[in-house]
Amino acid sequence: MIFSYNVWNEEGFTLALFFGDEAVRLVKNAGFDDIVIFLSSLLIQPFAALMLCLFLAWVIPRQIGYRRLGLGGRSWFEIWNYLLRYVTPVLLLVVTLGAIRVI
């Protein structure tokens, strides 16, 4: 964080993604602390949520999930499992891509 008040105080730092000839600026003329906040809150947290979602939905056996959740009925668990497997990863990707202004 000291870089924001020292080295990058005047110029700033630019982060961009390049898609062929086109560049998408993620951060323009930002300080070091702005870059750390951008990376942690807009990229790392949604990625960690996506990995957790995929682990819970595809790696842990369904019987263990059903017993641990205790949702009352099997139909509630099936709805939860469907949302966790198919809907939530898509929504997390949309949110992440929207945050970095790709879509």
PDB file of N, CA and C in Angstrom:
ATOM      1  N   MET A   1       0.801  -1.186   0.000  1.00  0.00           N
ATOM      2  CA  MET A   1       0.000   0.000   0.000  1.00  0.00           C
ATOM      3  C   MET A   1       0.855   1.265   0.000  1.00  0.00           C
ATOM      4  N   ILE A   2       2.083   1.133   0.408  1.00  0.00           N
ATOM      5  CA  ILE A   2       2.951   2.302   0.451  1.00  0.00           C
ATOM      6  C   ILE A   2       3.247   2.822  -0.952  1.00  0.00           C
ATOM      7  N   PHE A   3       3.140   1.952  -1.963  1.00  0.00           N
ATOM      8  CA  PHE A   3       3.401   2.387  -3.338  1.00  0.00           C
ATOM      9  C   PHE A   3       2.393   3.443  -3.803  1.00  0.00           C
ATOM     10  N   SER A   4       1.192   3.405  -3.280  1.00  0.00           N
ATOM     11  CA  SER A   4       0.178   4.379  -3.701  1.00  0.00           C
ATOM     12  C   SER A   4       0.547   5.791  -3.308  1.00  0.00           C
ATOM     13  N   TYR A   5       1.327   5.917  -2.271  1.00  0.00           N
ATOM     14  CA  TYR A   5       1.714   7.242  -1.793  1.00  0.00           C
ATOM     15  C   TYR A   5       3.159   7.557  -2.121  1.00  0.00           C
ATOM     16  N   ASN A   6       3.779   6.714  -2.930  1.00  0.00           N
ATOM     17  CA  ASN A   6       5.188   6.885  -3.205  1.00  0.00           C
ATOM     18  C   ASN A   6       5.454   6.805  -4.704  1.00  0.00           C
ATOM     19  N   VAL A   7       5.704   5.619  -5.207  1.00  0.00           N
ATOM     20  CA  VAL A   7       6.136   5.410  -6.587  1.00  0.00           C
ATOM     21  C   VAL A   7       5.025   5.722  -7.585  1.00  0.00           C
ATOM     22  N   TRP A   8       3.801   5.228  -7.333  1.00  0.00           N
ATOM     23  CA  TRP A   8       2.700   5.388  -8.277  1.00  0.00           C
ATOM     24  C   TRP A   8       1.785   6.551  -7.917  1.00  0.00           C
ATOM     25  N   ASN A   9       2.255   7.480  -7.142  1.00  0.00           N
ATOM     26  CA  ASN A   9       1.409   8.578  -6.703  1.00  0.00           C
ATOM     27  C   ASN A   9       0.995   9.473  -7.864  1.00  0.00           C
ATOM     28  N   GLU A  10       1.888   9.787  -8.753  1.00  0.00           N
ATOM     29  CA  GLU A  10       1.616  10.743  -9.818  1.00  0.00           C
ATOM     30  C   GLU A  10       1.083  10.072 -11.086  1.00  0.00           C
ATOM     31  N   GLU A  11       1.744   9.003 -11.532  1.00  0.00           N
ATOM     32  CA  GLU A  11       1.421   8.409 -12.831  1.00  0.00           C
ATOM     33  C   GLU A  11       0.238   7.455 -12.780  1.00  0.00           C
ATOM     34  N   GLY A  12       0.220   6.627 -11.806  1.00  0.00           N
ATOM     35  CA  GLY A  12      -0.815   5.615 -11.742  1.00  0.00           C
ATOM     36  C   GLY A  12      -0.400   4.363 -12.496  1.00  0.00           C
ATOM     37  N   PHE A  13      -1.263   3.404 -12.498  1.00  0.00           N
ATOM     38  CA  PHE A  13      -0.997   2.093 -13.071  1.00  0.00           C
ATOM     39  C   PHE A  13      -2.207   1.711 -13.906  1.00  0.00           C
ATOM     40  N   THR A  14      -1.967   1.123 -15.070  1.00  0.00           N
ATOM     41  CA  THR A  14      -3.063   0.716 -15.949  1.00  0.00           C
ATOM     42  C   THR A  14      -3.005  -0.794 -16.141  1.00  0.00           C
ATOM     43  N   LEU A  15      -4.158  -1.427 -16.005  1.00  0.00           N
ATOM     44  CA  LEU A  15      -4.289  -2.861 -16.201  1.00  0.00           C
ATOM     45  C   LEU A  15      -5.233  -3.063 -17.380  1.00  0.00           C
ATOM     46  N   ALA A  16      -4.841  -3.869 -18.360  1.00  0.00           N
ATOM     47  CA  ALA A  16      -5.680  -4.067 -19.549  1.00  0.00           C
ATOM     48  C   ALA A  16      -5.637  -5.518 -19.993  1.00  0.00           C
ATOM     49  N   LEU A  17      -6.699  -5.945 -20.636  1.00  0.00           N
ATOM     50  CA  LEU A  17      -6.765  -7.254 -21.294  1.00  0.00           C
ATOM     51  C   LEU A  17      -6.750  -7.018 -22.799  1.00  0.00           C
ATOM     52  N   PHE A  18      -5.997  -7.835 -23.495  1.00  0.00           N
ATOM     53  CA  PHE A  18      -5.902  -7.701 -24.942  1.00  0.00           C
ATOM     54  C   PHE A  18      -6.569  -8.888 -25.607  1.00  0.00           C
ATOM     55  N   PHE A  19      -7.518  -8.580 -26.495  1.00  0.00           N
ATOM     56  CA  PHE A  19      -8.205  -9.585 -27.291  1.00  0.00           C
ATOM     57  C   PHE A  19      -7.886  -9.305 -28.749  1.00  0.00           C
ATOM     58  N   GLY A  20      -6.816  -9.894 -29.242  1.00  0.00           N
ATOM     59  CA  GLY A  20      -6.389  -9.624 -30.606  1.00  0.00           C
ATOM     60  C   GLY A  20      -5.898  -8.199 -30.722  1.00  0.00           C
ATOM     61  N   ASP A  21      -6.547  -7.415 -31.556  1.00  0.00           N
ATOM     62  CA  ASP A  21      -6.167  -6.014 -31.734  1.00  0.00           C
ATOM     63  C   ASP A  21      -6.861  -5.077 -30.754  1.00  0.00           C
ATOM     64  N   GLU A  22      -7.839  -5.571 -30.035  1.00  0.00           N
ATOM     65  CA  GLU A  22      -8.640  -4.726 -29.157  1.00  0.00           C
ATOM     66  C   GLU A  22      -8.184  -4.892 -27.704  1.00  0.00           C
ATOM     67  N   ALA A  23      -8.113  -3.784 -26.985  1.00  0.00           N
ATOM     68  CA  ALA A  23      -7.727  -3.798 -25.579  1.00  0.00           C
ATOM     69  C   ALA A  23      -8.884  -3.296 -24.724  1.00  0.00           C
ATOM     70  N   VAL A  24      -9.093  -3.972 -23.599  1.00  0.00           N
ATOM     71  CA  VAL A  24     -10.108  -3.559 -22.635  1.00  0.00           C
ATOM     72  C   VAL A  24      -9.377  -3.131 -21.377  1.00  0.00           C
ATOM     73  N   ARG A  25      -9.504  -1.859 -21.022  1.00  0.00           N
ATOM     74  CA  ARG A  25      -8.848  -1.360 -19.809  1.00  0.00           C
ATOM     75  C   ARG A  25      -9.668  -1.735 -18.600  1.00  0.00           C
ATOM     76  N   LEU A  26      -9.034  -2.447 -17.686  1.00  0.00           N
ATOM     77  CA  LEU A  26      -9.699  -2.808 -16.453  1.00  0.00           C
ATOM     78  C   LEU A  26      -9.560  -1.701 -15.421  1.00  0.00           C
ATOM     79  N   VAL A  27      -8.350  -1.180 -15.312  1.00  0.00           N
ATOM     80  CA  VAL A  27      -8.060  -0.103 -14.373  1.00  0.00           C
ATOM     81  C   VAL A  27      -7.177   0.895 -15.095  1.00  0.00           C
ATOM     82  N   LYS A  28      -7.495   2.169 -14.974  1.00  0.00           N
ATOM     83  CA  LYS A  28      -6.705   3.187 -15.655  1.00  0.00           C
ATOM     84  C   LYS A  28      -6.225   4.214 -14.633  1.00  0.00           C
ATOM     85  N   ASN A  29      -4.925   4.443 -14.625  1.00  0.00           N
ATOM     86  CA  ASN A  29      -4.280   5.420 -13.746  1.00  0.00           C
ATOM     87  C   ASN A  29      -4.691   5.241 -12.288  1.00  0.00           C
ATOM     88  N   ALA A  30      -4.542   4.035 -11.785  1.00  0.00           N
ATOM     89  CA  ALA A  30      -4.921   3.728 -10.412  1.00  0.00           C
ATOM     90  C   ALA A  30      -3.672   3.552  -9.560  1.00  0.00           C
ATOM     91  N   GLY A  31      -3.836   3.738  -8.284  1.00  0.00           N
ATOM     92  CA  GLY A  31      -2.760   3.501  -7.343  1.00  0.00           C
ATOM     93  C   GLY A  31      -2.645   2.031  -7.012  1.00  0.00           C
ATOM     94  N   PHE A  32      -1.625   1.701  -6.266  1.00  0.00           N
ATOM     95  CA  PHE A  32      -1.386   0.303  -5.909  1.00  0.00           C
ATOM     96  C   PHE A  32      -2.535  -0.266  -5.085  1.00  0.00           C
ATOM     97  N   ASP A  33      -3.048   0.513  -4.140  1.00  0.00           N
ATOM     98  CA  ASP A  33      -4.146   0.010  -3.320  1.00  0.00           C
ATOM     99  C   ASP A  33      -5.422  -0.193  -4.143  1.00  0.00           C
ATOM    100  N   ASP A  34      -5.628   0.630  -5.169  1.00  0.00           N
ATOM    101  CA  ASP A  34      -6.770   0.432  -6.059  1.00  0.00           C
ATOM    102  C   ASP A  34      -6.646  -0.875  -6.840  1.00  0.00           C
ATOM    103  N   ILE A  35      -5.432  -1.191  -7.253  1.00  0.00           N
ATOM    104  CA  ILE A  35      -5.196  -2.449  -7.974  1.00  0.00           C
ATOM    105  C   ILE A  35      -5.449  -3.642  -7.061  1.00  0.00           C
ATOM    106  N   VAL A  36      -4.973  -3.575  -5.827  1.00  0.00           N
ATOM    107  CA  VAL A  36      -5.179  -4.675  -4.882  1.00  0.00           C
ATOM    108  C   VAL A  36      -6.663  -4.855  -4.593  1.00  0.00           C
ATOM    109  N   ILE A  37      -7.388  -3.757  -4.413  1.00  0.00           N
ATOM    110  CA  ILE A  37      -8.830  -3.839  -4.175  1.00  0.00           C
ATOM    111  C   ILE A  37      -9.543  -4.419  -5.396  1.00  0.00           C
ATOM    112  N   PHE A  38      -9.143  -3.995  -6.588  1.00  0.00           N
ATOM    113  CA  PHE A  38      -9.752  -4.517  -7.817  1.00  0.00           C
ATOM    114  C   PHE A  38      -9.528  -6.020  -7.928  1.00  0.00           C
ATOM    115  N   LEU A  39      -8.279  -6.449  -7.744  1.00  0.00           N
ATOM    116  CA  LEU A  39      -7.978  -7.868  -7.893  1.00  0.00           C
ATOM    117  C   LEU A  39      -8.671  -8.717  -6.845  1.00  0.00           C
ATOM    118  N   SER A  40      -8.691  -8.249  -5.602  1.00  0.00           N
ATOM    119  CA  SER A  40      -9.272  -9.082  -4.549  1.00  0.00           C
ATOM    120  C   SER A  40     -10.796  -9.101  -4.604  1.00  0.00           C
ATOM    121  N   SER A  41     -11.423  -7.961  -4.795  1.00  0.00           N
ATOM    122  CA  SER A  41     -12.884  -7.947  -4.708  1.00  0.00           C
ATOM    123  C   SER A  41     -13.578  -8.298  -6.016  1.00  0.00           C
ATOM    124  N   LEU A  42     -12.982  -7.987  -7.139  1.00  0.00           N
ATOM    125  CA  LEU A  42     -13.670  -8.238  -8.407  1.00  0.00           C
ATOM    126  C   LEU A  42     -13.201  -9.486  -9.136  1.00  0.00           C
ATOM    127  N   LEU A  43     -12.055 -10.034  -8.756  1.00  0.00           N
ATOM    128  CA  LEU A  43     -11.573 -11.228  -9.444  1.00  0.00           C
ATOM    129  C   LEU A  43     -11.408 -12.426  -8.516  1.00  0.00           C
ATOM    130  N   ILE A  44     -10.706 -12.252  -7.403  1.00  0.00           N
ATOM    131  CA  ILE A  44     -10.396 -13.390  -6.550  1.00  0.00           C
ATOM    132  C   ILE A  44     -11.629 -13.889  -5.808  1.00  0.00           C
ATOM    133  N   GLN A  45     -12.443 -13.008  -5.269  1.00  0.00           N
ATOM    134  CA  GLN A  45     -13.630 -13.448  -4.539  1.00  0.00           C
ATOM    135  C   GLN A  45     -14.639 -14.176  -5.420  1.00  0.00           C
ATOM    136  N   PRO A  46     -14.978 -13.668  -6.606  1.00  0.00           N
ATOM    137  CA  PRO A  46     -15.885 -14.458  -7.456  1.00  0.00           C
ATOM    138  C   PRO A  46     -15.269 -15.779  -7.910  1.00  0.00           C
ATOM    139  N   PHE A  47     -13.955 -15.804  -8.149  1.00  0.00           N
ATOM    140  CA  PHE A  47     -13.299 -17.053  -8.529  1.00  0.00           C
ATOM    141  C   PHE A  47     -13.356 -18.059  -7.386  1.00  0.00           C
ATOM    142  N   ALA A  48     -13.122 -17.610  -6.156  1.00  0.00           N
ATOM    143  CA  ALA A  48     -13.207 -18.504  -4.996  1.00  0.00           C
ATOM    144  C   ALA A  48     -14.635 -19.008  -4.815  1.00  0.00           C
ATOM    145  N   ALA A  49     -15.623 -18.155  -5.018  1.00  0.00           N
ATOM    146  CA  ALA A  49     -17.027 -18.579  -4.919  1.00  0.00           C
ATOM    147  C   ALA A  49     -17.361 -19.606  -5.993  1.00  0.00           C
ATOM    148  N   LEU A  50     -16.836 -19.412  -7.193  1.00  0.00           N
ATOM    149  CA  LEU A  50     -17.068 -20.369  -8.272  1.00  0.00           C
ATOM    150  C   LEU A  50     -16.436 -21.721  -7.951  1.00  0.00           C
ATOM    151  N   MET A  51     -15.216 -21.715  -7.445  1.00  0.00           N
ATOM    152  CA  MET A  51     -14.553 -22.969  -7.092  1.00  0.00           C
ATOM    153  C   MET A  51     -15.290 -23.688  -5.956  1.00  0.00           C
ATOM    154  N   LEU A  52     -15.758 -22.930  -4.961  1.00  0.00           N
ATOM    155  CA  LEU A  52     -16.525 -23.523  -3.867  1.00  0.00           C
ATOM    156  C   LEU A  52     -17.831 -24.116  -4.380  1.00  0.00           C
ATOM    157  N   CYS A  53     -18.476 -23.395  -5.254  1.00  0.00           N
ATOM    158  CA  CYS A  53     -19.730 -23.861  -5.836  1.00  0.00           C
ATOM    159  C   CYS A  53     -19.517 -25.159  -6.619  1.00  0.00           C
ATOM    160  N   LEU A  54     -18.493 -25.193  -7.441  1.00  0.00           N
ATOM    161  CA  LEU A  54     -18.215 -26.401  -8.223  1.00  0.00           C
ATOM    162  C   LEU A  54     -17.803 -27.571  -7.332  1.00  0.00           C
ATOM    163  N   PHE A  55     -17.055 -27.297  -6.282  1.00  0.00           N
ATOM    164  CA  PHE A  55     -16.656 -28.361  -5.355  1.00  0.00           C
ATOM    165  C   PHE A  55     -17.871 -28.948  -4.645  1.00  0.00           C
ATOM    166  N   LEU A  56     -18.742 -28.078  -4.150  1.00  0.00           N
ATOM    167  CA  LEU A  56     -19.929 -28.567  -3.448  1.00  0.00           C
ATOM    168  C   LEU A  56     -20.870 -29.327  -4.370  1.00  0.00           C
ATOM    169  N   ALA A  57     -20.980 -28.895  -5.599  1.00  0.00           N
ATOM    170  CA  ALA A  57     -21.955 -29.505  -6.502  1.00  0.00           C
ATOM    171  C   ALA A  57     -21.439 -30.770  -7.180  1.00  0.00           C
ATOM    172  N   TRP A  58     -20.157 -30.830  -7.506  1.00  0.00           N
ATOM    173  CA  TRP A  58     -19.667 -31.922  -8.334  1.00  0.00           C
ATOM    174  C   TRP A  58     -18.725 -32.887  -7.618  1.00  0.00           C
ATOM    175  N   VAL A  59     -18.097 -32.483  -6.532  1.00  0.00           N
ATOM    176  CA  VAL A  59     -17.109 -33.348  -5.883  1.00  0.00           C
ATOM    177  C   VAL A  59     -17.709 -34.073  -4.686  1.00  0.00           C
ATOM    178  N   ILE A  60     -18.391 -33.347  -3.824  1.00  0.00           N
ATOM    179  CA  ILE A  60     -18.980 -33.963  -2.636  1.00  0.00           C
ATOM    180  C   ILE A  60     -20.149 -34.849  -3.064  1.00  0.00           C
ATOM    181  N   PRO A  61     -20.199 -36.086  -2.566  1.00  0.00           N
ATOM    182  CA  PRO A  61     -21.310 -36.979  -2.938  1.00  0.00           C
ATOM    183  C   PRO A  61     -22.663 -36.395  -2.530  1.00  0.00           C
ATOM    184  N   ARG A  62     -23.662 -36.685  -3.345  1.00  0.00           N
ATOM    185  CA  ARG A  62     -24.999 -36.115  -3.139  1.00  0.00           C
ATOM    186  C   ARG A  62     -25.618 -36.564  -1.821  1.00  0.00           C
ATOM    187  N   GLN A  63     -25.377 -37.798  -1.421  1.00  0.00           N
ATOM    188  CA  GLN A  63     -25.957 -38.291  -0.167  1.00  0.00           C
ATOM    189  C   GLN A  63     -25.420 -37.525   1.044  1.00  0.00           C
ATOM    190  N   ILE A  64     -24.142 -37.202   1.017  1.00  0.00           N
ATOM    191  CA  ILE A  64     -23.551 -36.442   2.115  1.00  0.00           C
ATOM    192  C   ILE A  64     -24.139 -35.034   2.145  1.00  0.00           C
ATOM    193  N   GLY A  65     -24.274 -34.423   0.979  1.00  0.00           N
ATOM    194  CA  GLY A  65     -24.881 -33.101   0.911  1.00  0.00           C
ATOM    195  C   GLY A  65     -26.320 -33.100   1.403  1.00  0.00           C
ATOM    196  N   TYR A  66     -27.071 -34.122   1.025  1.00  0.00           N
ATOM    197  CA  TYR A  66     -28.466 -34.215   1.442  1.00  0.00           C
ATOM    198  C   TYR A  66     -28.577 -34.355   2.955  1.00  0.00           C
ATOM    199  N   ARG A  67     -27.750 -35.218   3.528  1.00  0.00           N
ATOM    200  CA  ARG A  67     -27.804 -35.408   4.982  1.00  0.00           C
ATOM    201  C   ARG A  67     -27.357 -34.162   5.735  1.00  0.00           C
ATOM    202  N   ARG A  68     -26.308 -33.510   5.260  1.00  0.00           N
ATOM    203  CA  ARG A  68     -25.765 -32.338   5.967  1.00  0.00           C
ATOM    204  C   ARG A  68     -26.665 -31.109   5.869  1.00  0.00           C
ATOM    205  N   LEU A  69     -27.320 -30.928   4.754  1.00  0.00           N
ATOM    206  CA  LEU A  69     -28.177 -29.754   4.609  1.00  0.00           C
ATOM    207  C   LEU A  69     -29.449 -29.866   5.425  1.00  0.00           C
ATOM    208  N   GLY A  70     -30.054 -31.026   5.438  1.00  0.00           N
ATOM    209  CA  GLY A  70     -31.284 -31.220   6.195  1.00  0.00           C
ATOM    210  C   GLY A  70     -32.396 -30.275   5.764  1.00  0.00           C
ATOM    211  N   LEU A  71     -32.656 -30.216   4.474  1.00  0.00           N
ATOM    212  CA  LEU A  71     -33.661 -29.291   3.946  1.00  0.00           C
ATOM    213  C   LEU A  71     -35.089 -29.754   4.170  1.00  0.00           C
ATOM    214  N   GLY A  72     -35.280 -30.919   4.707  1.00  0.00           N
ATOM    215  CA  GLY A  72     -36.639 -31.386   4.986  1.00  0.00           C
ATOM    216  C   GLY A  72     -37.156 -32.388   3.979  1.00  0.00           C
ATOM    217  N   GLY A  73     -37.054 -32.069   2.725  1.00  0.00           N
ATOM    218  CA  GLY A  73     -37.545 -32.974   1.692  1.00  0.00           C
ATOM    219  C   GLY A  73     -36.516 -33.137   0.580  1.00  0.00           C
ATOM    220  N   ARG A  74     -36.637 -34.244  -0.100  1.00  0.00           N
ATOM    221  CA  ARG A  74     -35.694 -34.519  -1.188  1.00  0.00           C
ATOM    222  C   ARG A  74     -35.862 -33.526  -2.339  1.00  0.00           C
ATOM    223  N   SER A  75     -37.087 -33.068  -2.566  1.00  0.00           N
ATOM    224  CA  SER A  75     -37.312 -32.138  -3.677  1.00  0.00           C
ATOM    225  C   SER A  75     -36.592 -30.806  -3.450  1.00  0.00           C
ATOM    226  N   TRP A  76     -36.555 -30.319  -2.204  1.00  0.00           N
ATOM    227  CA  TRP A  76     -35.826 -29.085  -1.914  1.00  0.00           C
ATOM    228  C   TRP A  76     -34.337 -29.267  -2.172  1.00  0.00           C
ATOM    229  N   PHE A  77     -33.817 -30.420  -1.813  1.00  0.00           N
ATOM    230  CA  PHE A  77     -32.399 -30.694  -2.075  1.00  0.00           C
ATOM    231  C   PHE A  77     -32.116 -30.750  -3.570  1.00  0.00           C
ATOM    232  N   GLU A  78     -33.000 -31.351  -4.345  1.00  0.00           N
ATOM    233  CA  GLU A  78     -32.792 -31.440  -5.787  1.00  0.00           C
ATOM    234  C   GLU A  78     -32.820 -30.054  -6.432  1.00  0.00           C
ATOM    235  N   ILE A  79     -33.700 -29.190  -5.957  1.00  0.00           N
ATOM    236  CA  ILE A  79     -33.725 -27.810  -6.465  1.00  0.00           C
ATOM    237  C   ILE A  79     -32.436 -27.104  -6.113  1.00  0.00           C
ATOM    238  N   TRP A  80     -31.994 -27.231  -4.861  1.00  0.00           N
ATOM    239  CA  TRP A  80     -30.739 -26.613  -4.417  1.00  0.00           C
ATOM    240  C   TRP A  80     -29.561 -27.141  -5.230  1.00  0.00           C
ATOM    241  N   ASN A  81     -29.525 -28.437  -5.433  1.00  0.00           N
ATOM    242  CA  ASN A  81     -28.418 -29.051  -6.163  1.00  0.00           C
ATOM    243  C   ASN A  81     -28.400 -28.600  -7.629  1.00  0.00           C
ATOM    244  N   TYR A  82     -29.564 -28.501  -8.246  1.00  0.00           N
ATOM    245  CA  TYR A  82     -29.638 -28.024  -9.629  1.00  0.00           C
ATOM    246  C   TYR A  82     -29.134 -26.587  -9.731  1.00  0.00           C
ATOM    247  N   LEU A  83     -29.606 -25.730  -8.826  1.00  0.00           N
ATOM    248  CA  LEU A  83     -29.148 -24.335  -8.829  1.00  0.00           C
ATOM    249  C   LEU A  83     -27.646 -24.241  -8.618  1.00  0.00           C
ATOM    250  N   LEU A  84     -27.122 -25.046  -7.718  1.00  0.00           N
ATOM    251  CA  LEU A  84     -25.694 -25.016  -7.415  1.00  0.00           C
ATOM    252  C   LEU A  84     -24.857 -25.551  -8.573  1.00  0.00           C
ATOM    253  N   ARG A  85     -25.367 -26.517  -9.284  1.00  0.00           N
ATOM    254  CA  ARG A  85     -24.599 -27.108 -10.386  1.00  0.00           C
ATOM    255  C   ARG A  85     -24.632 -26.283 -11.667  1.00  0.00           C
ATOM    256  N   TYR A  86     -25.787 -25.745 -12.004  1.00  0.00           N
ATOM    257  CA  TYR A  86     -25.936 -25.155 -13.330  1.00  0.00           C
ATOM    258  C   TYR A  86     -26.184 -23.649 -13.334  1.00  0.00           C
ATOM    259  N   VAL A  87     -26.983 -23.149 -12.427  1.00  0.00           N
ATOM    260  CA  VAL A  87     -27.361 -21.737 -12.467  1.00  0.00           C
ATOM    261  C   VAL A  87     -26.299 -20.849 -11.820  1.00  0.00           C
ATOM    262  N   THR A  88     -25.849 -21.222 -10.633  1.00  0.00           N
ATOM    263  CA  THR A  88     -24.909 -20.384  -9.892  1.00  0.00           C
ATOM    264  C   THR A  88     -23.583 -20.176 -10.618  1.00  0.00           C
ATOM    265  N   PRO A  89     -22.947 -21.192 -11.208  1.00  0.00           N
ATOM    266  CA  PRO A  89     -21.702 -20.917 -11.934  1.00  0.00           C
ATOM    267  C   PRO A  89     -21.876 -19.943 -13.095  1.00  0.00           C
ATOM    268  N   VAL A  90     -22.991 -20.054 -13.811  1.00  0.00           N
ATOM    269  CA  VAL A  90     -23.236 -19.134 -14.921  1.00  0.00           C
ATOM    270  C   VAL A  90     -23.406 -17.706 -14.397  1.00  0.00           C
ATOM    271  N   LEU A  91     -24.158 -17.549 -13.326  1.00  0.00           N
ATOM    272  CA  LEU A  91     -24.354 -16.220 -12.752  1.00  0.00           C
ATOM    273  C   LEU A  91     -23.047 -15.636 -12.215  1.00  0.00           C
ATOM    274  N   LEU A  92     -22.225 -16.459 -11.601  1.00  0.00           N
ATOM    275  CA  LEU A  92     -20.930 -15.971 -11.114  1.00  0.00           C
ATOM    276  C   LEU A  92     -20.031 -15.527 -12.263  1.00  0.00           C
ATOM    277  N   LEU A  93     -20.056 -16.269 -13.353  1.00  0.00           N
ATOM    278  CA  LEU A  93     -19.265 -15.861 -14.518  1.00  0.00           C
ATOM    279  C   LEU A  93     -19.787 -14.560 -15.125  1.00  0.00           C
ATOM    280  N   VAL A  94     -21.101 -14.408 -15.188  1.00  0.00           N
ATOM    281  CA  VAL A  94     -21.684 -13.180 -15.726  1.00  0.00           C
ATOM    282  C   VAL A  94     -21.307 -11.990 -14.843  1.00  0.00           C
ATOM    283  N   VAL A  95     -21.404 -12.155 -13.540  1.00  0.00           N
ATOM    284  CA  VAL A  95     -21.056 -11.082 -12.618  1.00  0.00           C
ATOM    285  C   VAL A  95     -19.582 -10.715 -12.738  1.00  0.00           C
ATOM    286  N   THR A  96     -18.725 -11.719 -12.821  1.00  0.00           N
ATOM    287  CA  THR A  96     -17.288 -11.466 -12.926  1.00  0.00           C
ATOM    288  C   THR A  96     -16.945 -10.781 -14.245  1.00  0.00           C
ATOM    289  N   LEU A  97     -17.494 -11.262 -15.344  1.00  0.00           N
ATOM    290  CA  LEU A  97     -17.219 -10.635 -16.638  1.00  0.00           C
ATOM    291  C   LEU A  97     -17.807  -9.236 -16.714  1.00  0.00           C
ATOM    292  N   GLY A  98     -18.938  -9.030 -16.078  1.00  0.00           N
ATOM    293  CA  GLY A  98     -19.511  -7.685 -16.024  1.00  0.00           C
ATOM    294  C   GLY A  98     -18.679  -6.742 -15.181  1.00  0.00           C
ATOM    295  N   ALA A  99     -18.065  -7.268 -14.130  1.00  0.00           N
ATOM    296  CA  ALA A  99     -17.231  -6.423 -13.265  1.00  0.00           C
ATOM    297  C   ALA A  99     -15.963  -5.973 -13.970  1.00  0.00           C
ATOM    298  N   ILE A 100     -15.425  -6.831 -14.828  1.00  0.00           N
ATOM    299  CA  ILE A 100     -14.217  -6.428 -15.546  1.00  0.00           C
ATOM    300  C   ILE A 100     -14.543  -5.834 -16.908  1.00  0.00           C
ATOM    301  N   ARG A 101     -15.825  -5.551 -17.128  1.00  0.00           N
ATOM    302  CA  ARG A 101     -16.322  -4.843 -18.307  1.00  0.00           C
ATOM    303  C   ARG A 101     -16.043  -5.557 -19.623  1.00  0.00           C
ATOM    304  N   VAL A 102     -16.108  -6.887 -19.597  1.00  0.00           N
ATOM    305  CA  VAL A 102     -15.956  -7.646 -20.848  1.00  0.00           C
ATOM    306  C   VAL A 102     -17.311  -7.779 -21.520  1.00  0.00           C
ATOM    307  N   ILE A 103     -18.380  -7.906 -20.720  1.00  0.00           N
ATOM    308  CA  ILE A 103     -19.724  -7.991 -21.310  1.00  0.00           C
ATOM    309  C   ILE A 103     -20.519  -6.770 -20.919  1.00  0.00           C
TER     310      ILE A 103
END
